[in-house]
Amino acid sequence: MVTPNKEDNQNNLKLSIQVSLNGLSFCALSKEERRIVYFRDLLFTRKLNPSQVLREIEKLYEQETFLKEENPEVIVLFSNELYSLIPEAYFNEEHASEYLKYNTKILETDYVAHDEVSVSKMMNVYIPYTNINNFFFDRYGEFEYRHCVSVLAKEFQIQNKYQTEGTRVYVNCYPGGYDLLVYQQGKLHLANSFNSATKEDFIYYLLFTAEQLDLDPTRFELILLGRIREHSDYYDIAYNYVKEIKFMDTAFGYIFSSKEEPPKGYMHYPLFKVLE
């Protein structure tokens, strides 16, 4: 019997980690088998601050055997509202913080990062949680990180590449809010994130956005993903106003090691997508 060494194991395993102030998600893929070998989803009982989130991460790494022992290729996703999408032609890295100062409170200790969303010719300027990045660097060395909206904007642009008419509104739900991206005639027209504690909040921001963009809710296509289910309160109130609603169609083709029912792909779309 041949036992894989740690280097072989690292080359074969890819771990995606999604970090937000409302929870954490971990998903590891055996690339050769296209098998999900580890999945962990943790929701906090309340919104934490970055220092508190780091303590939760440290606890998990003390408790979870997989996280303690394995050394995979790692990509970290940050999910927060501290971002702004900028046309590539107007982006200047030396003045990155200028794109955030009108809608985000920036501290002197904050590091401003950016992702290239090449298919849209956009740059996503955002603030990652530096203390959490430092933890993962100490644990794994070099690793990749992105903002969740960067992943969504790239993939949705690919899906809308050949759309010459109509409007698609994508809503990525998570505890306490959602990301909203609007594509008209195949091009990104708006990307924003909203806090949403109730179903009334949920529909208010959706309809407010439609009004600002002069969209008729009965005529655009609403595509849902994230933590939302059919006939939930959020779904039902949206259906009162938007008649064409569907869930994100996903076909990752992953095999799950667990005997439990695998997570629905649309519920953890960015987490699964970056493993491809």
Protein backbone atom coordinates (compact mmCIF):
# COMPACT_ATOMS: atom_id res chain seq x y z
CA MET A 1 0.00 0.00 0.00
CA VAL A 2 1.31 3.45 -0.93
CA THR A 3 0.64 6.28 1.51
CA PRO A 4 0.54 9.73 -0.11
CA ASN A 5 3.05 12.14 1.36
CA LYS A 6 2.00 15.59 2.56
CA GLU A 7 3.18 17.29 -0.65
CA ASP A 8 1.05 14.97 -2.80
CA ASN A 9 -1.90 15.52 -0.49
CA GLN A 10 -1.53 19.29 -0.66
CA ASN A 11 -1.47 19.22 -4.46
CA ASN A 12 -4.65 17.16 -4.53
CA LEU A 13 -6.69 19.03 -1.90
CA LYS A 14 -8.24 22.44 -2.38
CA LEU A 15 -9.99 24.21 0.50
CA SER A 16 -12.35 27.14 0.13
CA ILE A 17 -13.23 29.20 3.20
CA GLN A 18 -15.96 31.83 3.31
CA VAL A 19 -15.69 34.41 6.07
CA SER A 20 -18.38 36.83 7.15
CA LEU A 21 -19.37 38.51 10.40
CA ASN A 22 -22.41 36.23 10.49
CA GLY A 23 -20.75 32.87 9.99
CA LEU A 24 -18.06 30.65 8.48
CA SER A 25 -18.10 27.95 5.80
CA PHE A 26 -15.38 25.47 4.85
CA CYS A 27 -15.37 23.11 1.87
CA ALA A 28 -12.51 20.84 0.75
CA LEU A 29 -12.28 19.10 -2.62
CA SER A 30 -10.19 16.12 -3.62
CA LYS A 31 -9.35 17.35 -7.12
CA GLU A 32 -8.52 13.93 -8.59
CA GLU A 33 -11.84 12.41 -7.52
CA ARG A 34 -13.88 15.63 -7.64
CA ARG A 35 -15.07 14.54 -4.22
CA ILE A 36 -16.03 16.87 -1.36
CA VAL A 37 -14.08 15.40 1.54
CA TYR A 38 -14.85 18.04 4.15
CA PHE A 39 -17.72 20.48 4.67
CA ARG A 40 -18.38 22.65 7.73
CA ASP A 41 -20.94 25.43 8.02
CA LEU A 42 -21.16 27.56 11.17
CA LEU A 43 -23.71 30.34 11.73
CA PHE A 44 -23.20 32.73 14.62
CA THR A 45 -26.13 33.61 16.88
CA ARG A 46 -25.41 37.31 16.27
CA LYS A 47 -23.24 39.48 14.07
CA LEU A 48 -19.69 39.54 15.41
CA ASN A 49 -16.74 41.85 14.86
CA PRO A 50 -13.55 40.69 13.08
CA SER A 51 -11.73 39.98 16.37
CA GLN A 52 -14.59 37.78 17.56
CA VAL A 53 -14.72 35.99 14.20
CA LEU A 54 -11.00 35.24 14.47
CA ARG A 55 -11.57 33.64 17.87
CA GLU A 56 -14.24 31.40 16.32
CA ILE A 57 -11.81 30.40 13.56
CA GLU A 58 -9.14 29.59 16.13
CA LYS A 59 -11.61 27.40 18.04
CA LEU A 60 -12.49 25.47 14.89
CA TYR A 61 -8.84 24.85 14.08
CA GLU A 62 -8.36 23.46 17.57
CA GLN A 63 -11.41 21.18 17.33
CA GLU A 64 -11.57 19.97 13.72
CA THR A 65 -9.17 17.16 12.85
CA PHE A 66 -9.20 17.95 9.14
CA LEU A 67 -8.30 21.60 9.69
CA LYS A 68 -5.56 20.69 12.18
CA GLU A 69 -3.86 18.02 10.10
CA GLU A 70 -4.33 18.79 6.40
CA ASN A 71 -2.36 21.35 4.41
CA PRO A 72 -4.35 22.02 1.21
CA GLU A 73 -4.31 24.72 -1.44
CA VAL A 74 -6.44 27.50 0.09
CA ILE A 75 -8.71 30.23 -1.20
CA VAL A 76 -10.47 32.56 1.27
CA LEU A 77 -13.65 34.45 0.36
CA PHE A 78 -14.72 37.56 2.26
CA SER A 79 -18.42 38.34 2.37
CA ASN A 80 -19.11 41.90 3.52
CA GLU A 81 -20.54 45.19 2.28
CA LEU A 82 -17.13 46.91 2.32
CA TYR A 83 -16.63 46.95 -1.44
CA SER A 84 -17.19 48.96 -4.60
CA LEU A 85 -17.10 47.85 -8.24
CA ILE A 86 -15.18 50.26 -10.47
CA PRO A 87 -14.84 50.29 -14.28
CA GLU A 88 -11.34 49.09 -15.07
CA ALA A 89 -10.64 52.18 -17.18
CA TYR A 90 -11.11 54.46 -14.15
CA PHE A 91 -9.21 52.39 -11.60
CA ASN A 92 -6.01 53.72 -10.07
CA GLU A 93 -4.40 51.40 -7.51
CA GLU A 94 -2.59 54.27 -5.78
CA HIS A 95 -5.95 55.83 -4.88
CA ALA A 96 -7.86 52.63 -4.14
CA SER A 97 -9.25 53.87 -0.82
CA GLU A 98 -10.88 56.84 -2.59
CA TYR A 99 -13.42 54.51 -4.18
CA LEU A 100 -14.67 53.40 -0.77
CA LYS A 101 -14.64 56.52 1.37
CA TYR A 102 -18.17 57.68 0.46
CA ASN A 103 -19.93 54.44 1.39
CA THR A 104 -17.55 52.78 3.87
CA LYS A 105 -15.91 53.91 7.06
CA ILE A 106 -12.20 53.27 6.53
CA LEU A 107 -9.86 53.00 9.51
CA GLU A 108 -6.15 53.82 9.36
CA THR A 109 -5.35 50.18 10.02
CA ASP A 110 -7.54 48.90 7.16
CA TYR A 111 -5.88 47.34 4.13
CA VAL A 112 -7.62 48.04 0.82
CA ALA A 113 -7.48 45.14 -1.64
CA HIS A 114 -8.86 44.73 -5.15
CA ASP A 115 -9.92 41.89 -7.45
CA GLU A 116 -9.91 42.04 -11.22
CA VAL A 117 -13.25 40.99 -12.73
CA SER A 118 -11.80 40.71 -16.21
CA VAL A 119 -14.87 39.45 -18.07
CA SER A 120 -16.74 42.60 -16.98
CA LYS A 121 -13.74 44.92 -17.31
CA MET A 122 -14.31 45.87 -13.68
CA MET A 123 -12.25 46.08 -10.51
CA ASN A 124 -13.73 45.24 -7.13
CA VAL A 125 -12.13 47.40 -4.42
CA TYR A 126 -12.77 46.07 -0.90
CA ILE A 127 -11.52 45.72 2.65
CA PRO A 128 -10.60 42.21 3.77
CA TYR A 129 -10.20 41.39 7.46
CA THR A 130 -6.44 41.71 7.96
CA ASN A 131 -6.34 39.85 11.28
CA ILE A 132 -8.03 36.84 9.65
CA ASN A 133 -5.72 36.93 6.62
CA ASN A 134 -2.77 36.96 9.00
CA PHE A 135 -4.10 33.85 10.74
CA PHE A 136 -4.41 31.94 7.47
CA PHE A 137 -0.98 33.10 6.31
CA ASP A 138 0.56 31.83 9.56
CA ARG A 139 -1.29 28.53 9.10
CA TYR A 140 -0.81 27.91 5.36
CA GLY A 141 1.74 30.37 4.04
CA GLU A 142 0.82 31.91 0.67
CA PHE A 143 -2.88 31.63 -0.21
CA GLU A 144 -5.42 33.32 -2.47
CA TYR A 145 -8.27 35.51 -1.28
CA ARG A 146 -11.13 37.29 -3.02
CA HIS A 147 -14.37 39.05 -2.29
CA CYS A 148 -17.55 36.99 -2.77
CA VAL A 149 -19.07 39.64 -5.02
CA SER A 150 -16.04 39.36 -7.32
CA VAL A 151 -16.82 35.66 -7.80
CA LEU A 152 -20.50 36.38 -8.40
CA ALA A 153 -19.88 39.25 -10.82
CA LYS A 154 -17.50 37.16 -12.91
CA GLU A 155 -19.77 34.13 -13.15
CA PHE A 156 -22.96 36.09 -13.78
CA GLN A 157 -21.26 38.04 -16.55
CA ILE A 158 -20.32 34.76 -18.22
CA GLN A 159 -23.92 33.57 -17.93
CA ASN A 160 -25.18 36.81 -19.49
CA LYS A 161 -22.54 37.04 -22.22
CA TYR A 162 -25.01 36.43 -25.03
CA GLN A 163 -28.03 38.20 -23.51
CA THR A 164 -29.03 41.05 -25.83
CA GLU A 165 -32.37 41.84 -24.21
CA GLY A 166 -34.20 41.54 -20.92
CA THR A 167 -33.13 42.04 -17.31
CA ARG A 168 -31.85 39.54 -14.76
CA VAL A 169 -31.67 40.39 -11.06
CA TYR A 170 -29.52 38.10 -8.92
CA VAL A 171 -30.03 38.00 -5.15
CA ASN A 172 -27.48 36.15 -3.02
CA CYS A 173 -28.99 35.78 0.45
CA TYR A 174 -27.08 35.33 3.70
CA PRO A 175 -28.00 35.79 7.38
CA GLY A 176 -28.71 39.47 7.93
CA GLY A 177 -28.68 40.63 4.32
CA TYR A 178 -28.05 39.94 0.65
CA ASP A 179 -25.97 40.87 -2.38
CA LEU A 180 -27.91 42.20 -5.36
CA LEU A 181 -26.56 42.32 -8.92
CA VAL A 182 -28.54 43.58 -11.90
CA TYR A 183 -27.77 42.70 -15.53
CA GLN A 184 -29.52 44.45 -18.40
CA GLN A 185 -28.95 43.37 -21.98
CA GLY A 186 -26.09 41.22 -20.74
CA LYS A 187 -24.19 43.96 -18.91
CA LEU A 188 -23.77 44.65 -15.18
CA HIS A 189 -25.71 47.77 -14.21
CA LEU A 190 -25.64 47.60 -10.42
CA ALA A 191 -24.03 45.66 -7.59
CA ASN A 192 -24.88 46.44 -3.98
CA SER A 193 -25.43 44.74 -0.64
CA PHE A 194 -28.23 45.41 1.82
CA ASN A 195 -28.88 44.60 5.47
CA SER A 196 -32.09 42.64 5.81
CA ALA A 197 -33.42 41.49 9.18
CA THR A 198 -37.04 40.85 8.09
CA LYS A 199 -38.96 39.85 4.99
CA GLU A 200 -40.21 43.46 4.79
CA ASP A 201 -36.59 44.68 4.61
CA PHE A 202 -35.91 42.09 1.94
CA ILE A 203 -38.68 43.19 -0.40
CA TYR A 204 -38.23 46.91 0.33
CA TYR A 205 -34.65 47.04 -0.95
CA LEU A 206 -35.48 44.82 -3.92
CA LEU A 207 -38.39 47.01 -5.01
CA PHE A 208 -36.48 50.23 -4.21
CA THR A 209 -33.68 49.10 -6.52
CA ALA A 210 -36.19 48.25 -9.23
CA GLU A 211 -37.76 51.70 -8.89
CA GLN A 212 -34.40 53.47 -9.09
CA LEU A 213 -33.49 51.56 -12.25
CA ASP A 214 -36.98 52.01 -13.72
CA LEU A 215 -37.59 48.25 -13.79
CA ASP A 216 -41.02 46.64 -13.82
CA PRO A 217 -40.99 43.80 -11.24
CA THR A 218 -43.43 41.82 -13.36
CA ARG A 219 -41.04 41.83 -16.30
CA PHE A 220 -37.58 41.01 -15.00
CA GLU A 221 -36.16 37.61 -14.07
CA LEU A 222 -35.25 37.19 -10.38
CA ILE A 223 -32.61 34.53 -9.73
CA LEU A 224 -32.11 33.48 -6.12
CA LEU A 225 -29.13 31.87 -4.47
CA GLY A 226 -27.65 31.64 -1.01
CA ARG A 227 -29.62 30.94 2.15
CA ILE A 228 -33.15 31.02 0.81
CA ARG A 229 -35.61 28.24 0.07
CA GLU A 230 -38.75 27.94 -1.97
CA HIS A 231 -41.89 28.96 -0.03
CA SER A 232 -39.85 30.59 2.74
CA ASP A 233 -41.04 33.99 3.99
CA TYR A 234 -38.55 35.83 1.78
CA TYR A 235 -39.48 33.79 -1.28
CA ASP A 236 -43.23 34.17 -0.75
CA ILE A 237 -43.13 37.95 -0.27
CA ALA A 238 -40.98 38.33 -3.38
CA TYR A 239 -43.45 36.23 -5.37
CA ASN A 240 -46.20 38.72 -4.53
CA TYR A 241 -44.40 41.29 -6.68
CA VAL A 242 -42.04 39.42 -9.00
CA LYS A 243 -43.65 36.77 -11.17
CA GLU A 244 -40.57 35.21 -12.76
CA ILE A 245 -38.48 33.70 -9.96
CA LYS A 246 -36.07 30.80 -10.10
CA PHE A 247 -33.12 29.43 -8.17
CA MET A 248 -29.57 29.45 -9.47
CA ASP A 249 -28.97 26.44 -11.68
CA THR A 250 -25.78 24.70 -10.51
CA ALA A 251 -24.08 21.63 -11.91
CA PHE A 252 -20.73 21.29 -10.15
CA GLY A 253 -20.66 17.50 -10.46
CA TYR A 254 -19.01 17.01 -7.09
CA ILE A 255 -19.33 13.73 -5.19
CA PHE A 256 -19.97 14.02 -1.45
CA SER A 257 -18.22 11.69 0.99
CA SER A 258 -20.79 12.26 3.71
CA LYS A 259 -23.88 10.06 3.84
CA GLU A 260 -25.87 13.13 4.77
CA GLU A 261 -27.77 15.07 2.12
CA PRO A 262 -25.23 17.33 0.38
CA PRO A 263 -25.75 21.10 0.59
CA LYS A 264 -27.72 22.55 -2.30
CA GLY A 265 -25.28 24.15 -4.73
CA TYR A 266 -27.12 27.45 -4.93
CA MET A 267 -26.91 27.84 -1.14
CA HIS A 268 -23.08 27.89 -1.14
CA TYR A 269 -22.45 28.97 -4.72
CA PRO A 270 -19.22 31.03 -4.30
CA LEU A 271 -17.76 28.43 -1.90
CA PHE A 272 -18.26 25.61 -4.44
CA LYS A 273 -17.53 27.70 -7.55
CA VAL A 274 -13.96 28.65 -6.60
CA LEU A 275 -13.09 24.94 -6.22
CA GLU A 276 -13.61 24.29 -9.94
